[in-house]
Protein backbone atom coordinates (compact mmCIF):
# COMPACT_ATOMS: atom_id res chain seq x y z
CA UNK A 1 -5.77 -12.77 -36.45
CA UNK A 2 -5.21 -10.31 -33.60
CA UNK A 3 -7.40 -7.76 -31.84
CA UNK A 4 -6.13 -4.20 -31.48
CA UNK A 5 -6.00 -3.23 -27.76
CA UNK A 6 -6.96 0.36 -28.62
CA UNK A 7 -9.86 0.25 -31.06
CA UNK A 8 -10.66 -3.50 -30.72
CA UNK A 9 -10.60 -3.99 -34.49
CA UNK A 10 -9.72 -7.50 -35.66
CA UNK A 11 -6.65 -7.51 -37.89
CA UNK A 12 -5.63 -10.36 -40.16
CA UNK A 13 -2.00 -9.64 -41.01
CA UNK A 14 0.86 -7.34 -40.15
CA UNK A 15 1.66 -5.64 -36.84
CA UNK A 16 -0.15 -2.37 -37.62
CA UNK A 17 -3.85 -1.97 -36.89
CA UNK A 18 -5.79 -0.93 -39.98
CA UNK A 19 -8.30 0.90 -37.79
CA UNK A 20 -6.19 3.23 -35.68
CA UNK A 21 -2.55 2.71 -36.55
CA UNK A 22 -1.52 0.99 -33.31
CA UNK A 23 1.77 -0.86 -33.89
CA UNK A 24 1.70 -4.25 -32.17
CA UNK A 25 5.43 -4.70 -32.73
CA UNK A 26 6.34 -1.81 -30.40
CA UNK A 27 7.21 -2.55 -26.80
CA UNK A 28 4.63 -0.14 -25.43
CA UNK A 29 4.98 -1.37 -21.86
CA UNK A 30 8.49 0.05 -21.72
CA UNK A 31 9.03 2.60 -24.44
CA UNK A 32 7.04 5.71 -25.35
CA UNK A 33 7.79 5.29 -29.03
CA UNK A 34 6.27 6.99 -32.06
CA UNK A 35 5.21 4.82 -34.97
CA UNK A 36 5.09 6.13 -38.53
CA UNK A 37 2.10 4.61 -40.25
CA UNK A 38 1.30 4.84 -43.94
CA UNK A 39 -2.44 4.24 -43.99
CA UNK A 40 -2.35 3.57 -47.73
CA UNK A 41 -0.36 0.45 -46.95
CA UNK A 42 -2.92 -1.02 -44.59
CA UNK A 43 -6.26 0.52 -45.51
CA UNK A 44 -8.25 -0.26 -48.65
CA UNK A 45 -8.78 2.72 -50.97
CA UNK A 46 -5.50 4.42 -50.10
CA UNK A 47 -5.14 7.55 -47.99
CA UNK A 48 -2.55 9.94 -46.68
CA UNK A 49 0.31 8.72 -44.53
CA UNK A 50 0.00 9.87 -40.96
CA UNK A 51 2.28 9.99 -37.96
CA UNK A 52 0.89 8.14 -34.94
CA UNK A 53 2.21 8.66 -31.44
CA UNK A 54 0.91 8.86 -27.90
CA UNK A 55 -0.21 12.45 -28.47
CA UNK A 56 -2.45 11.15 -31.25
CA UNK A 57 -3.83 8.42 -29.00
CA UNK A 58 -4.49 11.02 -26.28
CA UNK A 59 -6.29 13.27 -28.79
CA UNK A 60 -8.44 10.36 -29.93
CA UNK A 61 -9.45 9.86 -26.31
CA UNK A 62 -10.40 13.53 -25.97
CA UNK A 63 -12.41 13.35 -29.21
CA UNK A 64 -14.26 10.30 -27.88
CA UNK A 65 -15.06 12.12 -24.65
CA UNK A 66 -16.42 15.04 -26.66
CA UNK A 67 -18.91 12.82 -28.49
CA UNK A 68 -19.85 10.85 -25.38
CA UNK A 69 -18.13 7.58 -26.27
CA UNK A 70 -16.80 7.04 -22.76
CA UNK A 71 -15.73 3.41 -23.23
CA UNK A 72 -13.51 4.22 -26.21
CA UNK A 73 -12.19 7.34 -24.50
CA UNK A 74 -11.05 5.33 -21.49
CA UNK A 75 -9.23 2.85 -23.75
CA UNK A 76 -7.32 5.56 -25.59
CA UNK A 77 -6.53 7.67 -22.54
CA UNK A 78 -5.39 4.72 -20.47
CA UNK A 79 -3.07 3.52 -23.23
CA UNK A 80 -1.49 6.96 -23.66
CA UNK A 81 -1.30 7.47 -19.89
CA UNK A 82 0.43 4.15 -19.30
CA UNK A 83 3.01 5.11 -21.87
CA UNK A 84 3.97 8.41 -20.34
CA UNK A 85 1.78 11.08 -21.91
CA UNK A 86 1.32 13.63 -19.11
CA UNK A 87 -1.88 15.12 -20.56
CA UNK A 88 -3.40 11.66 -20.78
CA UNK A 89 -2.28 10.83 -17.23
CA UNK A 90 -3.97 13.96 -15.91
CA UNK A 91 -7.16 13.43 -17.94
CA UNK A 92 -7.39 9.74 -17.09
CA UNK A 93 -6.91 10.58 -13.40
CA UNK A 94 -9.63 13.22 -13.69
CA UNK A 95 -12.11 10.56 -14.78
CA UNK A 96 -11.60 8.89 -11.43
CA UNK A 97 -11.37 12.07 -9.36
CA UNK A 98 -14.76 13.44 -10.26
CA UNK A 99 -16.11 11.20 -12.97
CA UNK A 100 -16.78 7.58 -13.68
CA UNK A 101 -15.57 5.93 -10.48
CA UNK A 102 -14.93 8.70 -7.96
CA UNK A 103 -11.89 6.75 -6.86
CA UNK A 104 -9.63 9.39 -5.37
CA UNK A 105 -6.75 7.02 -4.71
CA UNK A 106 -6.60 5.98 -8.35
CA UNK A 107 -6.90 9.60 -9.44
CA UNK A 108 -4.12 10.76 -7.13
CA UNK A 109 -1.77 8.12 -8.53
CA UNK A 110 -2.23 9.41 -12.08
CA UNK A 111 -2.04 13.06 -11.00
CA UNK A 112 1.28 12.28 -9.36
CA UNK A 113 2.70 10.72 -12.53
CA UNK A 114 1.75 13.79 -14.55
CA UNK A 115 2.82 16.21 -11.81
CA UNK A 116 6.31 14.72 -11.75
CA UNK A 117 6.52 15.57 -15.45
CA UNK A 118 5.74 19.20 -14.66
CA UNK A 119 2.06 19.23 -15.64
CA UNK A 120 0.74 22.34 -13.77
CA UNK A 121 -2.91 21.29 -13.58
CA UNK A 122 -1.96 17.83 -12.35
CA UNK A 123 0.25 19.48 -9.73
CA UNK A 124 -2.74 21.55 -8.63
CA UNK A 125 -4.98 18.52 -8.22
CA UNK A 126 -2.23 16.51 -6.53
CA UNK A 127 -1.84 19.39 -4.09
CA UNK A 128 -5.57 19.33 -3.43
CA UNK A 129 -5.43 15.57 -2.81
CA UNK A 130 -2.76 16.04 -0.16
CA UNK A 131 -4.42 19.15 1.24
CA UNK A 132 -7.82 17.53 1.74
CA UNK A 133 -6.65 13.95 2.23
CA UNK A 134 -8.37 12.74 -0.94
CA UNK A 135 -6.87 9.40 -1.94
CA UNK A 136 -3.62 10.23 -0.13
CA UNK A 137 -2.66 10.61 3.48
CA UNK A 138 -3.56 14.14 4.59
CA UNK A 139 -0.41 16.26 4.41
CA UNK A 140 -0.76 20.04 4.61
CA UNK A 141 2.91 20.71 3.89
CA UNK A 142 3.10 18.44 0.86
CA UNK A 143 -0.15 19.86 -0.43
CA UNK A 144 1.15 23.41 -0.26
CA UNK A 145 4.40 22.35 -1.93
CA UNK A 146 2.60 20.94 -4.97
CA UNK A 147 0.23 23.89 -5.12
CA UNK A 148 3.23 26.21 -5.16
CA UNK A 149 4.80 24.18 -7.98
CA UNK A 150 1.55 24.48 -9.90
CA UNK A 151 1.35 28.23 -9.29
CA UNK A 152 4.91 28.65 -10.58
CA UNK A 153 3.83 26.85 -13.73
CA UNK A 154 1.14 29.44 -14.31
CA UNK A 155 -1.89 27.57 -13.00
CA UNK A 156 -4.48 30.16 -11.97
CA UNK A 157 -6.51 27.58 -10.04
CA UNK A 158 -3.53 26.91 -7.77
CA UNK A 159 -2.96 30.63 -7.20
CA UNK A 160 -6.61 31.14 -6.26
CA UNK A 161 -6.60 28.09 -3.98
CA UNK A 162 -3.46 29.21 -2.14
CA UNK A 163 -4.86 32.71 -1.66
CA UNK A 164 -8.21 31.44 -0.38
CA UNK A 165 -7.08 28.51 1.76
CA UNK A 166 -3.53 29.31 2.87
CA UNK A 167 -2.12 32.81 2.48
CA UNK A 168 -5.43 34.62 2.72
CA UNK A 169 -5.97 33.15 6.18
CA UNK A 170 -4.74 34.59 9.46
CA UNK A 171 -4.11 38.08 8.14
CA UNK A 172 -1.99 36.93 5.23
CA UNK A 173 0.59 35.14 7.38
CA UNK A 174 -0.62 31.67 6.57
CA UNK A 175 -3.02 29.45 8.50
CA UNK A 176 -1.50 27.69 11.49
CA UNK A 177 -1.09 24.03 10.56
CA UNK A 178 -2.53 22.83 13.86
CA UNK A 179 -5.61 25.03 13.42
CA UNK A 180 -6.02 23.74 9.87
CA UNK A 181 -6.01 20.10 10.98
CA UNK A 182 -8.30 20.92 13.90
CA UNK A 183 -10.81 22.53 11.55
CA UNK A 184 -10.74 19.51 9.21
CA UNK A 185 -10.96 17.07 12.12
CA UNK A 186 -14.03 18.79 13.49
CA UNK A 187 -15.58 18.46 10.02
CA UNK A 188 -15.02 14.70 10.11
CA UNK A 189 -11.80 14.33 8.11
CA UNK A 190 -10.28 11.11 9.50
CA UNK A 191 -6.78 11.96 8.31
CA UNK A 192 -6.90 15.15 10.36
CA UNK A 193 -8.32 13.28 13.35
CA UNK A 194 -5.39 10.86 13.28
CA UNK A 195 -2.97 13.77 12.87
CA UNK A 196 -4.38 15.37 16.03
CA UNK A 197 -4.18 12.05 17.85
CA UNK A 198 -0.50 11.78 16.91
CA UNK A 199 0.04 15.43 17.84
CA UNK A 200 -1.41 15.09 21.33
CA UNK A 201 0.16 11.68 21.88
CA UNK A 202 3.63 12.99 21.07
CA UNK A 203 3.76 15.77 23.66
CA UNK A 204 3.77 15.46 27.40
CA UNK A 205 1.01 18.01 27.90
CA UNK A 206 -1.55 17.42 30.67
CA UNK A 207 -4.42 15.37 29.30
CA UNK A 208 -2.58 14.84 26.00
CA UNK A 209 -3.02 11.08 25.87
CA UNK A 210 -6.73 11.33 26.67
CA UNK A 211 -7.17 13.87 23.87
CA UNK A 212 -5.18 11.62 21.51
CA UNK A 213 -7.41 8.66 22.34
CA UNK A 214 -10.50 10.78 21.74
CA UNK A 215 -9.41 11.69 18.23
CA UNK A 216 -8.30 8.15 17.41
CA UNK A 217 -11.68 6.84 18.53
CA UNK A 218 -13.48 9.33 16.31
CA UNK A 219 -11.39 8.20 13.34
CA UNK A 220 -12.09 4.55 14.21
CA UNK A 221 -15.82 5.19 14.48
CA UNK A 222 -15.69 6.80 11.03
CA UNK A 223 -14.27 3.55 9.62
CA UNK A 224 -10.54 4.30 9.48
CA UNK A 225 -8.44 1.14 9.80
CA UNK A 226 -5.51 3.23 11.02
CA UNK A 227 -7.74 4.89 13.59
CA UNK A 228 -8.83 1.46 14.81
CA UNK A 229 -5.35 0.14 15.53
CA UNK A 230 -4.32 3.50 16.98
CA UNK A 231 -7.15 3.48 19.54
CA UNK A 232 -6.44 -0.21 20.04
CA UNK A 233 -2.86 0.70 20.99
CA UNK A 234 -4.25 3.19 23.52
CA UNK A 235 -6.32 0.44 25.15
CA UNK A 236 -3.40 -1.99 24.98
CA UNK A 237 -1.09 0.28 26.99
CA UNK A 238 -3.72 2.19 28.96
CA UNK A 239 -2.69 5.58 27.58
CA UNK A 240 -5.55 8.06 27.72
CA UNK A 241 -8.07 5.29 28.47
CA UNK A 242 -8.44 2.54 31.04
CA UNK A 243 -6.24 -0.38 30.01
CA UNK A 244 -8.19 -3.18 28.33
CA UNK A 245 -6.10 -5.50 26.19
CA UNK A 246 -9.05 -7.61 25.07
CA UNK A 247 -10.66 -4.46 23.69
CA UNK A 248 -7.34 -3.63 22.03
CA UNK A 249 -7.33 -7.02 20.31
CA UNK A 250 -10.86 -6.35 19.06
CA UNK A 251 -9.73 -3.11 17.42
CA UNK A 252 -6.58 -4.73 16.03
CA UNK A 253 -8.65 -7.52 14.52
CA UNK A 254 -11.07 -5.13 12.82
CA UNK A 255 -8.22 -3.19 11.22
CA UNK A 256 -6.30 -6.37 10.37
CA UNK A 257 -9.28 -7.80 8.49
CA UNK A 258 -9.32 -4.58 6.47
CA UNK A 259 -5.76 -5.30 5.34
CA UNK A 260 -3.81 -2.88 7.54
CA UNK A 261 -0.33 -4.39 7.90
CA UNK A 262 0.47 -2.65 11.18
CA UNK A 263 -2.74 -3.94 12.73
CA UNK A 264 -1.93 -7.43 11.46
CA UNK A 265 1.51 -7.28 13.09
CA UNK A 266 0.04 -6.03 16.37
CA UNK A 267 -2.57 -8.79 16.33
CA UNK A 268 0.18 -11.33 15.68
CA UNK A 269 2.05 -9.97 18.71
CA UNK A 270 -1.02 -10.40 20.91
CA UNK A 271 -1.37 -14.03 19.85
CA UNK A 272 2.35 -14.66 20.25
CA UNK A 273 2.53 -13.41 23.84
CA UNK A 274 -1.06 -14.10 24.93
CA UNK A 275 -1.91 -10.46 25.65
CA UNK A 276 -5.61 -9.79 25.28
CA UNK A 277 -6.09 -13.13 23.52
CA UNK A 278 -5.28 -16.74 24.22
CA UNK A 279 -1.71 -17.53 23.22
CA UNK A 280 -1.70 -19.19 19.81
CA UNK A 281 1.56 -19.33 17.86
CA UNK A 282 -0.18 -20.64 14.75
CA UNK A 283 -2.39 -17.57 14.58
CA UNK A 284 0.57 -15.36 15.45
CA UNK A 285 2.53 -16.67 12.46
CA UNK A 286 -0.52 -16.34 10.22
CA UNK A 287 -1.03 -12.66 11.09
CA UNK A 288 2.69 -11.88 10.99
CA UNK A 289 2.80 -13.37 7.51
CA UNK A 290 -0.14 -11.23 6.44
CA UNK A 291 1.67 -8.17 7.76
CA UNK A 292 4.92 -9.20 6.06
CA UNK A 293 3.14 -9.57 2.74
CA UNK A 294 2.05 -5.95 3.16
CA UNK A 295 5.66 -4.83 3.56
CA UNK A 296 6.09 -5.00 7.34
CA UNK A 297 9.73 -6.12 7.74
CA UNK A 298 9.56 -6.51 11.52
CA UNK A 299 6.66 -8.95 11.11
CA UNK A 300 8.80 -11.07 8.78
CA UNK A 301 11.51 -11.17 11.45
CA UNK A 302 8.96 -12.46 13.96
CA UNK A 303 7.86 -15.17 11.48
CA UNK A 304 11.47 -16.28 11.02
CA UNK A 305 12.07 -16.30 14.78
CA UNK A 306 8.94 -18.33 15.56
CA UNK A 307 9.58 -20.90 12.84
CA UNK A 308 13.06 -21.56 14.24
CA UNK A 309 11.62 -22.63 17.59
């Protein structure tokens, strides 16, 4: 007895589901295979043979959406998406982008999978995600690149978006990237606020560091973990604000508890050297390890160095 992962029907014998034709014997985690199913061989009362593949599974998902069976639709679409069907990847991502969960990060991941297969509508939405910082780090250039790819593929939505938001601005010459980020930052987009902080912090213009700190603080106040460790770094070194390493540690800790690996590494450094916090090598190793588990290679080096002492 086994339960079909697609339609949840209980099957007694054989690898092929009598309900939907799913072939349990296929390695669906690795291969996007097609399975030929003769329904007369597994369904009572006979019936025509039918060819099942991921396109069929995707279509079943669309049919379920049309009749309002959302739970079944998600099962079918997810299965087809995981096995490489670009239409399913786009549709499944769309459920997250503006539907069931509103999870832009999840949506952007599926849009990207479909976009890399040349799906024009997925390329359009991926471009939007980059352009607005929805589920991805705000990136004007990358957003325009994907929107252009989508436009080349014949997507009218991408063409309209580019005309309205990019090429229709500034007399048809394209909107200045700095002005674009400034506009978004003023509207509360934390990705744009961090961009401006990095922009001002990277140039030796008068008052640049103070302006950088101002934008980092706005991002931190809006809840951005990256904004928190960035403004923390300003307080740590006294750039743009009066130096206060204890306050820096407070910002590092907030971001570290939210899982930001850079903040975890910076907090580990403070504990290692006793800057802004009482020196505590145990806590330093703990936070370095947290950072290392998040992919911070320098933090792993610090763990190795401290454990050798």
